[in-house]
Amino acid sequence: MRLSERLRMVASMVPPTKTVADIGCDHAYLSVWLLREGIAGFAYACDVREGPLAKAAETIRFFHMQERAKTVLCDGLAGLSAGDAETIVMAGMGGELMTRLLTEGEACVRAAKCLVLQPQSDREMVRRAVAAAGFVITDEQCVVEDGKFYLCMAAVPKEAAPKAAAKAYAPWEYRYGRWLVRRKDETYLTHLTEECEKKITMLTGLAKAGTPLAQERVDSAAMELKEIVGVMKRFFPKERRKEK
């Protein structure tokens, strides 16, 4: 079985676990991969749609994993009980939806030992939801697949987190994360550079418009651009920053 770059990244962040819940499992490729690699002992492949769940069941049968996996038709974690899953994986969905599922599935989340989350948007919202659930982000990874940037984060209960991870987040860390910046990840720097360029293009267009509404958006976009640049500066040694 061959996973996409995005799913390989997600899979690499799942720790050895007795049980995993793959929320929004689609075809259950990730669930089956984790079982075949011996990373998970049992998998709950969950999806809110009957079509993808039927495909998931086919995948599970094809790889003879019927005794080690169960498909669950449910919205998020609604079909599971607290303690069913040591590890909860949510990947390939919007951050707003992910936040709702984490909040509504609070009992399952608080009973878990690890969260592996790959939001497609609204990452700040997800990071805040993780903190509200009593978890601490311990790692983040990123990849580019078909020209699109993907980020994944792993989190553990606060009491199980190392001191360096448990330190309170600064506002900018909720928006841009902590670990990729600390590691000076080149892929993430490329992503931030692209975001910076998008903001500059937006500001140029808004400036040309010259309307009161455009001016309001200019002020907001300019602040965001300044913050992105500040984050990017953290990738370079202080000596190089002084030279510039």
C-alpha atoms as a PDB file:
ATOM      1  CA  MET A   1       0.000   0.000   0.000  1.00  0.00           C
ATOM      2  CA  ARG A   2       1.307   3.433  -0.940  1.00  0.00           C
ATOM      3  CA  LEU A   3       0.114   6.545   0.889  1.00  0.00           C
ATOM      4  CA  SER A   4       0.176  10.070  -0.490  1.00  0.00           C
ATOM      5  CA  GLU A   5       2.794  12.494   0.843  1.00  0.00           C
ATOM      6  CA  ARG A   6       0.160  14.107   3.040  1.00  0.00           C
ATOM      7  CA  LEU A   7      -1.036  10.839   4.572  1.00  0.00           C
ATOM      8  CA  ARG A   8       2.535   9.585   5.042  1.00  0.00           C
ATOM      9  CA  MET A   9       3.211  12.706   7.072  1.00  0.00           C
ATOM     10  CA  VAL A  10       0.097  12.084   9.181  1.00  0.00           C
ATOM     11  CA  ALA A  11       0.970   8.410   9.665  1.00  0.00           C
ATOM     12  CA  SER A  12       4.515   9.272  10.751  1.00  0.00           C
ATOM     13  CA  MET A  13       3.140  11.302  13.664  1.00  0.00           C
ATOM     14  CA  VAL A  14       0.966   8.524  15.069  1.00  0.00           C
ATOM     15  CA  PRO A  15       2.740   6.857  18.036  1.00  0.00           C
ATOM     16  CA  PRO A  16       2.503   3.114  18.756  1.00  0.00           C
ATOM     17  CA  THR A  17      -1.021   2.739  20.087  1.00  0.00           C
ATOM     18  CA  LYS A  18      -3.505   0.068  21.093  1.00  0.00           C
ATOM     19  CA  THR A  19      -6.424   1.764  19.389  1.00  0.00           C
ATOM     20  CA  VAL A  20      -6.745   4.559  16.857  1.00  0.00           C
ATOM     21  CA  ALA A  21      -9.824   6.431  15.657  1.00  0.00           C
ATOM     22  CA  ASP A  22      -9.477   7.665  12.074  1.00  0.00           C
ATOM     23  CA  ILE A  23     -12.102  10.404  11.893  1.00  0.00           C
ATOM     24  CA  GLY A  24     -13.223  11.237   8.356  1.00  0.00           C
ATOM     25  CA  CYS A  25     -11.491   8.053   7.213  1.00  0.00           C
ATOM     26  CA  ASP A  26     -12.650   8.203   3.577  1.00  0.00           C
ATOM     27  CA  HIS A  27     -11.275   4.957   2.043  1.00  0.00           C
ATOM     28  CA  ALA A  28      -9.552   3.925   5.310  1.00  0.00           C
ATOM     29  CA  TYR A  29      -6.115   3.829   3.683  1.00  0.00           C
ATOM     30  CA  LEU A  30      -4.555   5.447   6.740  1.00  0.00           C
ATOM     31  CA  SER A  31      -6.306   3.064   9.158  1.00  0.00           C
ATOM     32  CA  VAL A  32      -5.160  -0.013   7.254  1.00  0.00           C
ATOM     33  CA  TRP A  33      -1.613   1.315   6.849  1.00  0.00           C
ATOM     34  CA  LEU A  34      -1.304   1.868  10.603  1.00  0.00           C
ATOM     35  CA  LEU A  35      -2.543  -1.677  11.243  1.00  0.00           C
ATOM     36  CA  ARG A  36      -0.263  -3.295   8.655  1.00  0.00           C
ATOM     37  CA  GLU A  37       2.791  -1.431   9.966  1.00  0.00           C
ATOM     38  CA  GLY A  38       2.062  -2.548  13.506  1.00  0.00           C
ATOM     39  CA  ILE A  39       1.638   1.014  14.756  1.00  0.00           C
ATOM     40  CA  ALA A  40      -1.964   0.454  15.835  1.00  0.00           C
ATOM     41  CA  GLY A  41      -3.502  -2.688  17.285  1.00  0.00           C
ATOM     42  CA  PHE A  42      -7.084  -1.828  16.360  1.00  0.00           C
ATOM     43  CA  ALA A  43      -8.653   0.917  14.259  1.00  0.00           C
ATOM     44  CA  TYR A  44     -12.033   2.609  14.197  1.00  0.00           C
ATOM     45  CA  ALA A  45     -12.592   3.945  10.678  1.00  0.00           C
ATOM     46  CA  CYS A  46     -15.217   6.656  11.121  1.00  0.00           C
ATOM     47  CA  ASP A  47     -17.026   8.742   8.504  1.00  0.00           C
ATOM     48  CA  VAL A  48     -20.263  10.678   8.372  1.00  0.00           C
ATOM     49  CA  ARG A  49     -21.007   9.581   4.786  1.00  0.00           C
ATOM     50  CA  GLU A  50     -22.197   6.119   3.809  1.00  0.00           C
ATOM     51  CA  GLY A  51     -20.401   6.101   0.411  1.00  0.00           C
ATOM     52  CA  PRO A  52     -16.843   6.593   1.712  1.00  0.00           C
ATOM     53  CA  LEU A  53     -17.539   4.246   4.624  1.00  0.00           C
ATOM     54  CA  ALA A  54     -18.549   1.505   2.181  1.00  0.00           C
ATOM     55  CA  LYS A  55     -15.230   2.075   0.373  1.00  0.00           C
ATOM     56  CA  ALA A  56     -13.478   1.898   3.747  1.00  0.00           C
ATOM     57  CA  ALA A  57     -15.089  -1.470   4.428  1.00  0.00           C
ATOM     58  CA  GLU A  58     -13.874  -2.691   1.022  1.00  0.00           C
ATOM     59  CA  THR A  59     -10.313  -1.612   1.814  1.00  0.00           C
ATOM     60  CA  ILE A  60     -10.431  -3.347   5.181  1.00  0.00           C
ATOM     61  CA  ARG A  61     -11.692  -6.581   3.582  1.00  0.00           C
ATOM     62  CA  PHE A  62      -9.149  -6.414   0.761  1.00  0.00           C
ATOM     63  CA  PHE A  63      -6.273  -6.326   3.245  1.00  0.00           C
ATOM     64  CA  HIS A  64      -7.919  -8.923   5.536  1.00  0.00           C
ATOM     65  CA  MET A  65      -8.153  -6.578   8.493  1.00  0.00           C
ATOM     66  CA  GLN A  66     -11.771  -7.314   9.483  1.00  0.00           C
ATOM     67  CA  GLU A  67     -10.759  -8.543  12.946  1.00  0.00           C
ATOM     68  CA  ARG A  68      -8.617  -5.498  13.647  1.00  0.00           C
ATOM     69  CA  ALA A  69     -10.780  -2.696  12.247  1.00  0.00           C
ATOM     70  CA  LYS A  70     -14.353  -1.514  12.547  1.00  0.00           C
ATOM     71  CA  THR A  71     -16.196   1.005  10.385  1.00  0.00           C
ATOM     72  CA  VAL A  72     -18.412   3.460  12.248  1.00  0.00           C
ATOM     73  CA  LEU A  73     -21.013   5.685  10.577  1.00  0.00           C
ATOM     74  CA  CYS A  74     -21.005   8.816  12.712  1.00  0.00           C
ATOM     75  CA  ASP A  75     -20.361  12.559  12.823  1.00  0.00           C
ATOM     76  CA  GLY A  76     -16.893  12.945  14.271  1.00  0.00           C
ATOM     77  CA  LEU A  77     -16.520  11.047  17.538  1.00  0.00           C
ATOM     78  CA  ALA A  78     -20.256  10.655  18.158  1.00  0.00           C
ATOM     79  CA  GLY A  79     -20.163   6.907  17.479  1.00  0.00           C
ATOM     80  CA  LEU A  80     -17.387   6.199  19.983  1.00  0.00           C
ATOM     81  CA  SER A  81     -17.267   6.076  23.763  1.00  0.00           C
ATOM     82  CA  ALA A  82     -14.663   7.658  26.010  1.00  0.00           C
ATOM     83  CA  GLY A  83     -11.626   5.384  26.127  1.00  0.00           C
ATOM     84  CA  ASP A  84     -12.314   3.614  22.831  1.00  0.00           C
ATOM     85  CA  ALA A  85      -9.386   5.314  21.137  1.00  0.00           C
ATOM     86  CA  GLU A  86      -5.966   5.987  22.650  1.00  0.00           C
ATOM     87  CA  THR A  87      -5.084   8.032  19.562  1.00  0.00           C
ATOM     88  CA  ILE A  88      -7.462  10.232  17.584  1.00  0.00           C
ATOM     89  CA  VAL A  89      -6.585  11.222  14.034  1.00  0.00           C
ATOM     90  CA  MET A  90      -8.395  13.927  12.077  1.00  0.00           C
ATOM     91  CA  ALA A  91      -6.981  14.759   8.659  1.00  0.00           C
ATOM     92  CA  GLY A  92      -8.044  16.447   5.457  1.00  0.00           C
ATOM     93  CA  MET A  93     -10.865  18.589   6.850  1.00  0.00           C
ATOM     94  CA  GLY A  94     -11.309  22.286   7.514  1.00  0.00           C
ATOM     95  CA  GLY A  95     -10.185  23.707  10.829  1.00  0.00           C
ATOM     96  CA  GLU A  96     -13.638  24.988  11.750  1.00  0.00           C
ATOM     97  CA  LEU A  97     -15.156  21.517  11.299  1.00  0.00           C
ATOM     98  CA  MET A  98     -12.260  19.929  13.180  1.00  0.00           C
ATOM     99  CA  THR A  99     -12.740  22.341  16.061  1.00  0.00           C
ATOM    100  CA  ARG A 100     -16.440  21.476  16.258  1.00  0.00           C
ATOM    101  CA  LEU A 101     -15.713  17.744  16.281  1.00  0.00           C
ATOM    102  CA  LEU A 102     -13.074  18.130  19.003  1.00  0.00           C
ATOM    103  CA  THR A 103     -15.489  20.178  21.109  1.00  0.00           C
ATOM    104  CA  GLU A 104     -18.505  17.918  20.623  1.00  0.00           C
ATOM    105  CA  GLY A 105     -16.376  14.814  21.226  1.00  0.00           C
ATOM    106  CA  GLU A 106     -14.870  16.216  24.418  1.00  0.00           C
ATOM    107  CA  ALA A 107     -15.309  12.997  26.438  1.00  0.00           C
ATOM    108  CA  CYS A 108     -13.407  10.911  23.864  1.00  0.00           C
ATOM    109  CA  VAL A 109     -10.767  13.605  23.419  1.00  0.00           C
ATOM    110  CA  ARG A 110     -10.023  13.964  27.130  1.00  0.00           C
ATOM    111  CA  ALA A 111      -9.707  10.182  27.462  1.00  0.00           C
ATOM    112  CA  ALA A 112      -7.203   9.974  24.588  1.00  0.00           C
ATOM    113  CA  LYS A 113      -3.417   9.907  24.933  1.00  0.00           C
ATOM    114  CA  CYS A 114      -2.614  11.568  21.609  1.00  0.00           C
ATOM    115  CA  LEU A 115      -4.236  13.756  18.968  1.00  0.00           C
ATOM    116  CA  VAL A 116      -2.884  13.875  15.407  1.00  0.00           C
ATOM    117  CA  LEU A 117      -4.525  16.711  13.483  1.00  0.00           C
ATOM    118  CA  GLN A 118      -4.065  17.893   9.900  1.00  0.00           C
ATOM    119  CA  PRO A 119      -6.387  20.875   9.361  1.00  0.00           C
ATOM    120  CA  GLN A 120      -6.746  22.284   5.863  1.00  0.00           C
ATOM    121  CA  SER A 121      -7.530  25.774   7.180  1.00  0.00           C
ATOM    122  CA  ASP A 122      -8.052  27.829  10.366  1.00  0.00           C
ATOM    123  CA  ARG A 123      -5.018  26.372  12.134  1.00  0.00           C
ATOM    124  CA  GLU A 124      -5.134  29.005  14.856  1.00  0.00           C
ATOM    125  CA  MET A 125      -8.667  27.915  15.740  1.00  0.00           C
ATOM    126  CA  VAL A 126      -7.532  24.286  15.963  1.00  0.00           C
ATOM    127  CA  ARG A 127      -4.503  25.108  18.132  1.00  0.00           C
ATOM    128  CA  ARG A 128      -6.750  26.995  20.547  1.00  0.00           C
ATOM    129  CA  ALA A 129      -9.223  24.096  20.613  1.00  0.00           C
ATOM    130  CA  VAL A 130      -6.371  21.712  21.434  1.00  0.00           C
ATOM    131  CA  ALA A 131      -5.326  23.920  24.349  1.00  0.00           C
ATOM    132  CA  ALA A 132      -8.931  24.226  25.556  1.00  0.00           C
ATOM    133  CA  ALA A 133      -9.165  20.421  25.618  1.00  0.00           C
ATOM    134  CA  GLY A 134      -6.213  20.249  28.006  1.00  0.00           C
ATOM    135  CA  PHE A 135      -3.685  19.117  25.385  1.00  0.00           C
ATOM    136  CA  VAL A 136      -0.298  20.480  24.388  1.00  0.00           C
ATOM    137  CA  ILE A 137       1.150  20.404  20.872  1.00  0.00           C
ATOM    138  CA  THR A 138       4.467  18.560  20.944  1.00  0.00           C
ATOM    139  CA  ASP A 139       5.360  18.476  17.257  1.00  0.00           C
ATOM    140  CA  GLU A 140       4.397  19.826  13.842  1.00  0.00           C
ATOM    141  CA  GLN A 141       5.412  18.677  10.388  1.00  0.00           C
ATOM    142  CA  CYS A 142       4.719  19.951   6.898  1.00  0.00           C
ATOM    143  CA  VAL A 143       4.915  18.709   3.319  1.00  0.00           C
ATOM    144  CA  VAL A 144       4.073  19.956  -0.154  1.00  0.00           C
ATOM    145  CA  GLU A 145       1.925  17.715  -2.348  1.00  0.00           C
ATOM    146  CA  ASP A 146       0.869  18.708  -5.873  1.00  0.00           C
ATOM    147  CA  GLY A 147       1.946  22.264  -5.149  1.00  0.00           C
ATOM    148  CA  LYS A 148      -0.185  22.561  -2.008  1.00  0.00           C
ATOM    149  CA  PHE A 149       1.151  23.020   1.521  1.00  0.00           C
ATOM    150  CA  TYR A 150      -0.068  20.701   4.316  1.00  0.00           C
ATOM    151  CA  LEU A 151       0.662  20.928   8.043  1.00  0.00           C
ATOM    152  CA  CYS A 152       0.079  18.289  10.719  1.00  0.00           C
ATOM    153  CA  MET A 153       0.319  18.609  14.492  1.00  0.00           C
ATOM    154  CA  ALA A 154       0.567  16.058  17.304  1.00  0.00           C
ATOM    155  CA  ALA A 155      -0.618  16.780  20.835  1.00  0.00           C
ATOM    156  CA  VAL A 156      -0.662  14.985  24.193  1.00  0.00           C
ATOM    157  CA  PRO A 157      -2.397  15.741  27.510  1.00  0.00           C
ATOM    158  CA  LYS A 158      -0.723  18.621  29.315  1.00  0.00           C
ATOM    159  CA  GLU A 159       0.365  16.447  32.235  1.00  0.00           C
ATOM    160  CA  ALA A 160       2.230  14.136  29.833  1.00  0.00           C
ATOM    161  CA  ALA A 161       3.950  16.900  27.854  1.00  0.00           C
ATOM    162  CA  PRO A 162       7.623  17.871  28.276  1.00  0.00           C
ATOM    163  CA  LYS A 163       8.232  21.262  29.913  1.00  0.00           C
ATOM    164  CA  ALA A 164       9.389  22.878  26.673  1.00  0.00           C
ATOM    165  CA  ALA A 165       6.075  22.009  25.039  1.00  0.00           C
ATOM    166  CA  ALA A 166       3.904  22.968  28.019  1.00  0.00           C
ATOM    167  CA  LYS A 167       5.100  26.589  27.987  1.00  0.00           C
ATOM    168  CA  ALA A 168       2.195  28.948  27.208  1.00  0.00           C
ATOM    169  CA  TYR A 169       1.832  30.000  23.580  1.00  0.00           C
ATOM    170  CA  ALA A 170       2.444  33.551  22.429  1.00  0.00           C
ATOM    171  CA  PRO A 171      -0.358  34.946  20.189  1.00  0.00           C
ATOM    172  CA  TRP A 172       1.761  34.510  17.064  1.00  0.00           C
ATOM    173  CA  GLU A 173       2.411  30.843  17.938  1.00  0.00           C
ATOM    174  CA  TYR A 174      -1.315  30.119  17.850  1.00  0.00           C
ATOM    175  CA  ARG A 175      -1.391  31.537  14.333  1.00  0.00           C
ATOM    176  CA  TYR A 176       1.859  30.113  12.953  1.00  0.00           C
ATOM    177  CA  GLY A 177       2.841  27.328  15.305  1.00  0.00           C
ATOM    178  CA  ARG A 178       5.933  26.755  17.423  1.00  0.00           C
ATOM    179  CA  TRP A 179       7.904  23.697  16.342  1.00  0.00           C
ATOM    180  CA  LEU A 180       8.388  24.293  12.616  1.00  0.00           C
ATOM    181  CA  VAL A 181       9.679  27.768  13.402  1.00  0.00           C
ATOM    182  CA  ARG A 182      12.022  26.501  16.133  1.00  0.00           C
ATOM    183  CA  ARG A 183      13.392  23.851  13.773  1.00  0.00           C
ATOM    184  CA  LYS A 184      13.702  26.444  11.004  1.00  0.00           C
ATOM    185  CA  ASP A 185      11.894  24.069   8.655  1.00  0.00           C
ATOM    186  CA  GLU A 186      12.709  25.043   5.055  1.00  0.00           C
ATOM    187  CA  THR A 187       9.385  23.859   3.638  1.00  0.00           C
ATOM    188  CA  TYR A 188       7.521  25.964   6.177  1.00  0.00           C
ATOM    189  CA  LEU A 189       9.706  28.965   5.425  1.00  0.00           C
ATOM    190  CA  THR A 190       8.793  28.580   1.751  1.00  0.00           C
ATOM    191  CA  HIS A 191       5.123  28.531   2.734  1.00  0.00           C
ATOM    192  CA  LEU A 192       5.487  31.674   4.855  1.00  0.00           C
ATOM    193  CA  THR A 193       7.304  33.381   1.972  1.00  0.00           C
ATOM    194  CA  GLU A 194       4.384  32.570  -0.336  1.00  0.00           C
ATOM    195  CA  GLU A 195       1.913  33.886   2.232  1.00  0.00           C
ATOM    196  CA  CYS A 196       3.977  37.051   2.504  1.00  0.00           C
ATOM    197  CA  GLU A 197       3.888  37.517  -1.275  1.00  0.00           C
ATOM    198  CA  LYS A 198       0.111  37.012  -1.304  1.00  0.00           C
ATOM    199  CA  LYS A 199      -0.318  39.733   1.331  1.00  0.00           C
ATOM    200  CA  ILE A 200       1.833  42.144  -0.681  1.00  0.00           C
ATOM    201  CA  THR A 201      -0.234  41.471  -3.808  1.00  0.00           C
ATOM    202  CA  MET A 202      -3.423  42.003  -1.814  1.00  0.00           C
ATOM    203  CA  LEU A 203      -2.143  45.274  -0.346  1.00  0.00           C
ATOM    204  CA  THR A 204      -1.198  46.533  -3.800  1.00  0.00           C
ATOM    205  CA  GLY A 205      -4.688  45.789  -5.118  1.00  0.00           C
ATOM    206  CA  LEU A 206      -6.404  47.379  -2.129  1.00  0.00           C
ATOM    207  CA  ALA A 207      -4.264  50.498  -2.374  1.00  0.00           C
ATOM    208  CA  LYS A 208      -5.293  50.935  -6.002  1.00  0.00           C
ATOM    209  CA  ALA A 209      -8.982  50.605  -5.088  1.00  0.00           C
ATOM    210  CA  GLY A 210      -8.763  53.626  -2.799  1.00  0.00           C
ATOM    211  CA  THR A 211     -12.183  53.120  -1.148  1.00  0.00           C
ATOM    212  CA  PRO A 212     -12.880  53.477   2.603  1.00  0.00           C
ATOM    213  CA  LEU A 213     -13.623  49.749   2.839  1.00  0.00           C
ATOM    214  CA  ALA A 214     -10.402  48.933   1.016  1.00  0.00           C
ATOM    215  CA  GLN A 215      -8.483  51.156   3.443  1.00  0.00           C
ATOM    216  CA  GLU A 216      -9.876  49.217   6.398  1.00  0.00           C
ATOM    217  CA  ARG A 217      -8.686  45.991   4.811  1.00  0.00           C
ATOM    218  CA  VAL A 218      -5.296  47.577   4.090  1.00  0.00           C
ATOM    219  CA  ASP A 219      -4.742  48.232   7.786  1.00  0.00           C
ATOM    220  CA  SER A 220      -5.634  44.652   8.708  1.00  0.00           C
ATOM    221  CA  ALA A 221      -3.558  43.076   5.908  1.00  0.00           C
ATOM    222  CA  ALA A 222      -0.582  45.298   6.749  1.00  0.00           C
ATOM    223  CA  MET A 223      -0.630  44.084  10.355  1.00  0.00           C
ATOM    224  CA  GLU A 224      -0.789  40.465   9.183  1.00  0.00           C
ATOM    225  CA  LEU A 225       2.109  41.041   6.793  1.00  0.00           C
ATOM    226  CA  LYS A 226       4.184  42.576   9.571  1.00  0.00           C
ATOM    227  CA  GLU A 227       3.532  39.557  11.788  1.00  0.00           C
ATOM    228  CA  ILE A 228       4.471  37.059   9.036  1.00  0.00           C
ATOM    229  CA  VAL A 229       7.719  38.931   8.406  1.00  0.00           C
ATOM    230  CA  GLY A 230       8.420  38.836  12.142  1.00  0.00           C
ATOM    231  CA  VAL A 231       7.931  35.069  12.191  1.00  0.00           C
ATOM    232  CA  MET A 232      10.171  34.646   9.126  1.00  0.00           C
ATOM    233  CA  LYS A 233      12.960  36.590  10.863  1.00  0.00           C
ATOM    234  CA  ARG A 234      13.056  33.877  13.509  1.00  0.00           C
ATOM    235  CA  PHE A 235      14.441  31.502  10.876  1.00  0.00           C
ATOM    236  CA  PHE A 236      17.681  33.474  10.626  1.00  0.00           C
ATOM    237  CA  PRO A 237      20.521  33.987  13.149  1.00  0.00           C
ATOM    238  CA  LYS A 238      20.509  37.297  14.994  1.00  0.00           C
ATOM    239  CA  GLU A 239      23.811  38.234  13.326  1.00  0.00           C
ATOM    240  CA  ARG A 240      22.237  38.041   9.871  1.00  0.00           C
ATOM    241  CA  ARG A 241      19.235  40.011  11.073  1.00  0.00           C
ATOM    242  CA  LYS A 242      21.528  42.826  12.261  1.00  0.00           C
ATOM    243  CA  GLU A 243      23.334  42.896   8.917  1.00  0.00           C
ATOM    244  CA  LYS A 244      20.034  43.539   7.179  1.00  0.00           C
END
